[in-house]
């Protein structure tokens, strides 16, 4: 049996302005702060002599490779991204960047924001627009019912509110 896997579906290239700033800040930090620090430590470790058994040198080189890999990824990804700054004309429907308040079958209230795959954060309620729930929510309106296939079976939600811009009141989540 081989290790071949079918190619993954490409991730959406949309991102919110906040997400773009966050990734760009990470890129700048890696490039201007972290990489020079690690480079300096590698130079100091190399000056100590034999590099073949120098753990600091070997670890520093590994760190540089990881930092460079992340810098290349972020640079390419940010170049390909489309920053969605403009709110949709029809704000009564769910589109990218929307805060959506849902009620599930157990009358539990949930609040999610549809964001790009690079900025998801479960603790903040930010879900990828590529996620099954987000795909089911797209173009829905208040009072629409949404059915989502999950590993444990089908789940049903009712859309109770849609917000754009600032997050809704925290007491509602």
C-alpha atoms as a PDB file:
ATOM      1  CA  UNK A   1       0.000   0.000   0.000  1.00  0.00           C
ATOM      2  CA  UNK A   2       1.463   3.361  -1.023  1.00  0.00           C
ATOM      3  CA  UNK A   3       1.503   6.675   0.714  1.00  0.00           C
ATOM      4  CA  UNK A   4      -0.263   8.454  -2.141  1.00  0.00           C
ATOM      5  CA  UNK A   5      -3.195  10.605  -1.169  1.00  0.00           C
ATOM      6  CA  UNK A   6      -5.492  12.479  -3.466  1.00  0.00           C
ATOM      7  CA  UNK A   7      -4.626  16.158  -3.697  1.00  0.00           C
ATOM      8  CA  UNK A   8      -6.309  18.319  -1.090  1.00  0.00           C
ATOM      9  CA  UNK A   9      -8.879  20.817  -2.204  1.00  0.00           C
ATOM     10  CA  UNK A  10      -7.162  24.202  -2.466  1.00  0.00           C
ATOM     11  CA  UNK A  11      -7.958  26.556   0.407  1.00  0.00           C
ATOM     12  CA  UNK A  12      -9.874  29.751  -0.232  1.00  0.00           C
ATOM     13  CA  UNK A  13      -7.736  32.764  -0.989  1.00  0.00           C
ATOM     14  CA  UNK A  14      -9.918  35.226   0.909  1.00  0.00           C
ATOM     15  CA  UNK A  15      -8.848  36.915   4.115  1.00  0.00           C
ATOM     16  CA  UNK A  16     -10.193  39.646   6.363  1.00  0.00           C
ATOM     17  CA  UNK A  17      -8.135  42.815   6.896  1.00  0.00           C
ATOM     18  CA  UNK A  18      -7.481  41.715  10.507  1.00  0.00           C
ATOM     19  CA  UNK A  19      -6.219  38.325   9.342  1.00  0.00           C
ATOM     20  CA  UNK A  20      -3.992  39.897   6.713  1.00  0.00           C
ATOM     21  CA  UNK A  21      -2.466  42.235   9.309  1.00  0.00           C
ATOM     22  CA  UNK A  22      -1.918  39.303  11.682  1.00  0.00           C
ATOM     23  CA  UNK A  23      -0.093  37.195   9.062  1.00  0.00           C
ATOM     24  CA  UNK A  24       1.887  40.187   7.802  1.00  0.00           C
ATOM     25  CA  UNK A  25       2.932  41.038  11.376  1.00  0.00           C
ATOM     26  CA  UNK A  26       4.106  37.447  11.846  1.00  0.00           C
ATOM     27  CA  UNK A  27       6.107  37.649   8.610  1.00  0.00           C
ATOM     28  CA  UNK A  28       7.730  40.943   9.633  1.00  0.00           C
ATOM     29  CA  UNK A  29       8.548  39.589  13.106  1.00  0.00           C
ATOM     30  CA  UNK A  30      10.148  36.457  11.676  1.00  0.00           C
ATOM     31  CA  UNK A  31      12.113  38.395   9.064  1.00  0.00           C
ATOM     32  CA  UNK A  32      13.252  41.379  11.134  1.00  0.00           C
ATOM     33  CA  UNK A  33      13.463  40.034  14.686  1.00  0.00           C
ATOM     34  CA  UNK A  34      13.533  36.247  14.999  1.00  0.00           C
ATOM     35  CA  UNK A  35      15.752  35.388  12.013  1.00  0.00           C
ATOM     36  CA  UNK A  36      18.519  37.887  12.917  1.00  0.00           C
ATOM     37  CA  UNK A  37      18.523  36.594  16.527  1.00  0.00           C
ATOM     38  CA  UNK A  38      18.878  32.969  15.423  1.00  0.00           C
ATOM     39  CA  UNK A  39      21.483  33.901  12.795  1.00  0.00           C
ATOM     40  CA  UNK A  40      23.534  35.641  15.474  1.00  0.00           C
ATOM     41  CA  UNK A  41      23.344  32.614  17.783  1.00  0.00           C
ATOM     42  CA  UNK A  42      24.403  30.305  14.924  1.00  0.00           C
ATOM     43  CA  UNK A  43      27.399  32.541  14.202  1.00  0.00           C
ATOM     44  CA  UNK A  44      28.395  32.482  17.866  1.00  0.00           C
ATOM     45  CA  UNK A  45      28.040  28.698  18.012  1.00  0.00           C
ATOM     46  CA  UNK A  46      30.074  28.295  14.804  1.00  0.00           C
ATOM     47  CA  UNK A  47      32.882  30.377  16.295  1.00  0.00           C
ATOM     48  CA  UNK A  48      33.283  27.836  19.105  1.00  0.00           C
ATOM     49  CA  UNK A  49      35.017  25.356  16.834  1.00  0.00           C
ATOM     50  CA  UNK A  50      33.954  21.843  15.757  1.00  0.00           C
ATOM     51  CA  UNK A  51      30.483  22.149  14.236  1.00  0.00           C
ATOM     52  CA  UNK A  52      29.798  18.434  13.845  1.00  0.00           C
ATOM     53  CA  UNK A  53      29.207  17.917  17.578  1.00  0.00           C
ATOM     54  CA  UNK A  54      28.054  21.411  18.470  1.00  0.00           C
ATOM     55  CA  UNK A  55      24.414  21.047  19.577  1.00  0.00           C
ATOM     56  CA  UNK A  56      23.808  24.805  19.626  1.00  0.00           C
ATOM     57  CA  UNK A  57      25.026  25.108  16.033  1.00  0.00           C
ATOM     58  CA  UNK A  58      22.970  22.138  14.803  1.00  0.00           C
ATOM     59  CA  UNK A  59      19.827  23.316  16.613  1.00  0.00           C
ATOM     60  CA  UNK A  60      20.322  26.886  15.352  1.00  0.00           C
ATOM     61  CA  UNK A  61      20.629  25.711  11.745  1.00  0.00           C
ATOM     62  CA  UNK A  62      17.445  23.670  12.164  1.00  0.00           C
ATOM     63  CA  UNK A  63      15.655  26.727  13.581  1.00  0.00           C
ATOM     64  CA  UNK A  64      16.838  28.820  10.627  1.00  0.00           C
ATOM     65  CA  UNK A  65      15.441  26.262   8.181  1.00  0.00           C
ATOM     66  CA  UNK A  66      12.076  26.301   9.972  1.00  0.00           C
ATOM     67  CA  UNK A  67      11.974  30.102  10.059  1.00  0.00           C
ATOM     68  CA  UNK A  68      12.921  30.334   6.371  1.00  0.00           C
ATOM     69  CA  UNK A  69      10.258  27.774   5.470  1.00  0.00           C
ATOM     70  CA  UNK A  70       7.588  29.784   7.319  1.00  0.00           C
ATOM     71  CA  UNK A  71       8.802  33.051   5.744  1.00  0.00           C
ATOM     72  CA  UNK A  72       8.562  31.530   2.246  1.00  0.00           C
ATOM     73  CA  UNK A  73       5.087  30.168   2.983  1.00  0.00           C
ATOM     74  CA  UNK A  74       3.792  33.473   4.380  1.00  0.00           C
ATOM     75  CA  UNK A  75       5.320  35.495   1.540  1.00  0.00           C
ATOM     76  CA  UNK A  76       3.702  33.327  -1.131  1.00  0.00           C
ATOM     77  CA  UNK A  77       0.397  33.045   0.709  1.00  0.00           C
ATOM     78  CA  UNK A  78       0.069  36.786   1.343  1.00  0.00           C
ATOM     79  CA  UNK A  79       0.839  37.540  -2.316  1.00  0.00           C
ATOM     80  CA  UNK A  80      -2.010  35.246  -3.427  1.00  0.00           C
ATOM     81  CA  UNK A  81      -4.583  36.486  -0.893  1.00  0.00           C
ATOM     82  CA  UNK A  82      -7.585  38.667  -1.647  1.00  0.00           C
ATOM     83  CA  UNK A  83      -8.364  40.993   1.245  1.00  0.00           C
ATOM     84  CA  UNK A  84     -12.144  41.371   1.589  1.00  0.00           C
ATOM     85  CA  UNK A  85     -12.646  44.862   2.991  1.00  0.00           C
ATOM     86  CA  UNK A  86     -15.957  45.858   1.469  1.00  0.00           C
ATOM     87  CA  UNK A  87     -19.171  44.753   3.117  1.00  0.00           C
ATOM     88  CA  UNK A  88     -21.676  42.985   0.864  1.00  0.00           C
ATOM     89  CA  UNK A  89     -24.563  44.975  -0.579  1.00  0.00           C
ATOM     90  CA  UNK A  90     -27.123  42.491   0.767  1.00  0.00           C
ATOM     91  CA  UNK A  91     -26.356  42.296   4.493  1.00  0.00           C
ATOM     92  CA  UNK A  92     -29.421  40.199   5.177  1.00  0.00           C
ATOM     93  CA  UNK A  93     -27.561  37.127   3.866  1.00  0.00           C
ATOM     94  CA  UNK A  94     -24.485  35.309   5.144  1.00  0.00           C
ATOM     95  CA  UNK A  95     -21.302  36.028   3.217  1.00  0.00           C
ATOM     96  CA  UNK A  96     -17.575  36.015   3.961  1.00  0.00           C
ATOM     97  CA  UNK A  97     -16.726  38.001   7.092  1.00  0.00           C
ATOM     98  CA  UNK A  98     -20.201  37.758   8.631  1.00  0.00           C
ATOM     99  CA  UNK A  99     -20.911  37.046  12.279  1.00  0.00           C
ATOM    100  CA  UNK A 100     -23.695  34.467  12.383  1.00  0.00           C
ATOM    101  CA  UNK A 101     -25.695  33.593  15.464  1.00  0.00           C
ATOM    102  CA  UNK A 102     -27.196  30.123  15.462  1.00  0.00           C
ATOM    103  CA  UNK A 103     -29.428  28.056  17.706  1.00  0.00           C
ATOM    104  CA  UNK A 104     -28.946  24.292  17.587  1.00  0.00           C
ATOM    105  CA  UNK A 105     -31.408  21.452  18.255  1.00  0.00           C
ATOM    106  CA  UNK A 106     -30.715  21.670  22.013  1.00  0.00           C
ATOM    107  CA  UNK A 107     -31.503  25.434  22.104  1.00  0.00           C
ATOM    108  CA  UNK A 108     -27.811  26.205  22.571  1.00  0.00           C
ATOM    109  CA  UNK A 109     -26.745  29.549  21.121  1.00  0.00           C
ATOM    110  CA  UNK A 110     -23.563  29.704  18.991  1.00  0.00           C
ATOM    111  CA  UNK A 111     -21.859  32.649  17.325  1.00  0.00           C
ATOM    112  CA  UNK A 112     -19.391  32.176  14.469  1.00  0.00           C
ATOM    113  CA  UNK A 113     -17.541  34.438  12.070  1.00  0.00           C
ATOM    114  CA  UNK A 114     -16.767  33.193   8.563  1.00  0.00           C
ATOM    115  CA  UNK A 115     -13.097  33.924   7.842  1.00  0.00           C
ATOM    116  CA  UNK A 116     -10.298  32.668   5.608  1.00  0.00           C
ATOM    117  CA  UNK A 117      -8.612  29.329   6.333  1.00  0.00           C
ATOM    118  CA  UNK A 118      -5.430  31.047   7.512  1.00  0.00           C
ATOM    119  CA  UNK A 119      -7.140  32.958  10.311  1.00  0.00           C
ATOM    120  CA  UNK A 120      -9.417  30.396  11.955  1.00  0.00           C
ATOM    121  CA  UNK A 121      -9.560  30.527  15.745  1.00  0.00           C
ATOM    122  CA  UNK A 122     -12.006  28.266  17.570  1.00  0.00           C
ATOM    123  CA  UNK A 123     -11.634  30.178  20.839  1.00  0.00           C
ATOM    124  CA  UNK A 124     -12.838  33.369  19.147  1.00  0.00           C
ATOM    125  CA  UNK A 125     -15.548  31.592  17.120  1.00  0.00           C
ATOM    126  CA  UNK A 126     -13.797  32.214  13.800  1.00  0.00           C
ATOM    127  CA  UNK A 127     -14.412  29.317  11.403  1.00  0.00           C
ATOM    128  CA  UNK A 128     -12.987  28.800   7.941  1.00  0.00           C
ATOM    129  CA  UNK A 129     -15.246  29.633   5.038  1.00  0.00           C
ATOM    130  CA  UNK A 130     -14.191  26.194   3.726  1.00  0.00           C
ATOM    131  CA  UNK A 131     -15.609  24.386   6.787  1.00  0.00           C
ATOM    132  CA  UNK A 132     -18.793  22.343   6.268  1.00  0.00           C
ATOM    133  CA  UNK A 133     -20.824  24.567   8.617  1.00  0.00           C
ATOM    134  CA  UNK A 134     -19.653  27.737   6.871  1.00  0.00           C
ATOM    135  CA  UNK A 135     -20.413  26.294   3.435  1.00  0.00           C
ATOM    136  CA  UNK A 136     -23.918  25.407   4.602  1.00  0.00           C
ATOM    137  CA  UNK A 137     -24.404  28.935   5.996  1.00  0.00           C
ATOM    138  CA  UNK A 138     -23.388  30.837   2.868  1.00  0.00           C
ATOM    139  CA  UNK A 139     -26.262  32.884   1.374  1.00  0.00           C
ATOM    140  CA  UNK A 140     -28.656  31.937   4.179  1.00  0.00           C
ATOM    141  CA  UNK A 141     -30.915  34.507   5.847  1.00  0.00           C
ATOM    142  CA  UNK A 142     -32.328  34.969   9.338  1.00  0.00           C
ATOM    143  CA  UNK A 143     -34.864  32.219  10.204  1.00  0.00           C
ATOM    144  CA  UNK A 144     -33.371  29.781   7.653  1.00  0.00           C
ATOM    145  CA  UNK A 145     -32.627  26.256   8.838  1.00  0.00           C
ATOM    146  CA  UNK A 146     -29.195  24.805   8.103  1.00  0.00           C
ATOM    147  CA  UNK A 147     -28.334  21.110   8.018  1.00  0.00           C
ATOM    148  CA  UNK A 148     -24.690  20.060   8.397  1.00  0.00           C
ATOM    149  CA  UNK A 149     -23.249  16.569   8.002  1.00  0.00           C
ATOM    150  CA  UNK A 150     -20.916  15.781  10.911  1.00  0.00           C
ATOM    151  CA  UNK A 151     -19.062  12.585  11.855  1.00  0.00           C
ATOM    152  CA  UNK A 152     -21.750  11.944  14.502  1.00  0.00           C
ATOM    153  CA  UNK A 153     -24.638  12.502  12.107  1.00  0.00           C
ATOM    154  CA  UNK A 154     -26.690  15.372  10.802  1.00  0.00           C
ATOM    155  CA  UNK A 155     -26.963  18.558  12.883  1.00  0.00           C
ATOM    156  CA  UNK A 156     -29.583  21.244  12.398  1.00  0.00           C
ATOM    157  CA  UNK A 157     -29.217  24.942  13.199  1.00  0.00           C
ATOM    158  CA  UNK A 158     -31.492  27.956  12.893  1.00  0.00           C
ATOM    159  CA  UNK A 159     -29.981  31.274  11.829  1.00  0.00           C
ATOM    160  CA  UNK A 160     -31.145  33.889  14.356  1.00  0.00           C
ATOM    161  CA  UNK A 161     -28.931  36.888  13.515  1.00  0.00           C
ATOM    162  CA  UNK A 162     -26.369  38.104  10.988  1.00  0.00           C
ATOM    163  CA  UNK A 163     -23.893  40.908  11.743  1.00  0.00           C
ATOM    164  CA  UNK A 164     -21.127  42.525   9.727  1.00  0.00           C
ATOM    165  CA  UNK A 165     -18.241  44.637  10.966  1.00  0.00           C
ATOM    166  CA  UNK A 166     -17.748  44.699  14.731  1.00  0.00           C
ATOM    167  CA  UNK A 167     -18.436  41.480  16.641  1.00  0.00           C
ATOM    168  CA  UNK A 168     -21.842  41.143  18.274  1.00  0.00           C
ATOM    169  CA  UNK A 169     -22.204  41.590  22.009  1.00  0.00           C
ATOM    170  CA  UNK A 170     -20.087  39.018  23.868  1.00  0.00           C
ATOM    171  CA  UNK A 171     -22.971  38.054  26.126  1.00  0.00           C
ATOM    172  CA  UNK A 172     -24.726  36.478  23.148  1.00  0.00           C
ATOM    173  CA  UNK A 173     -22.017  33.914  22.377  1.00  0.00           C
END
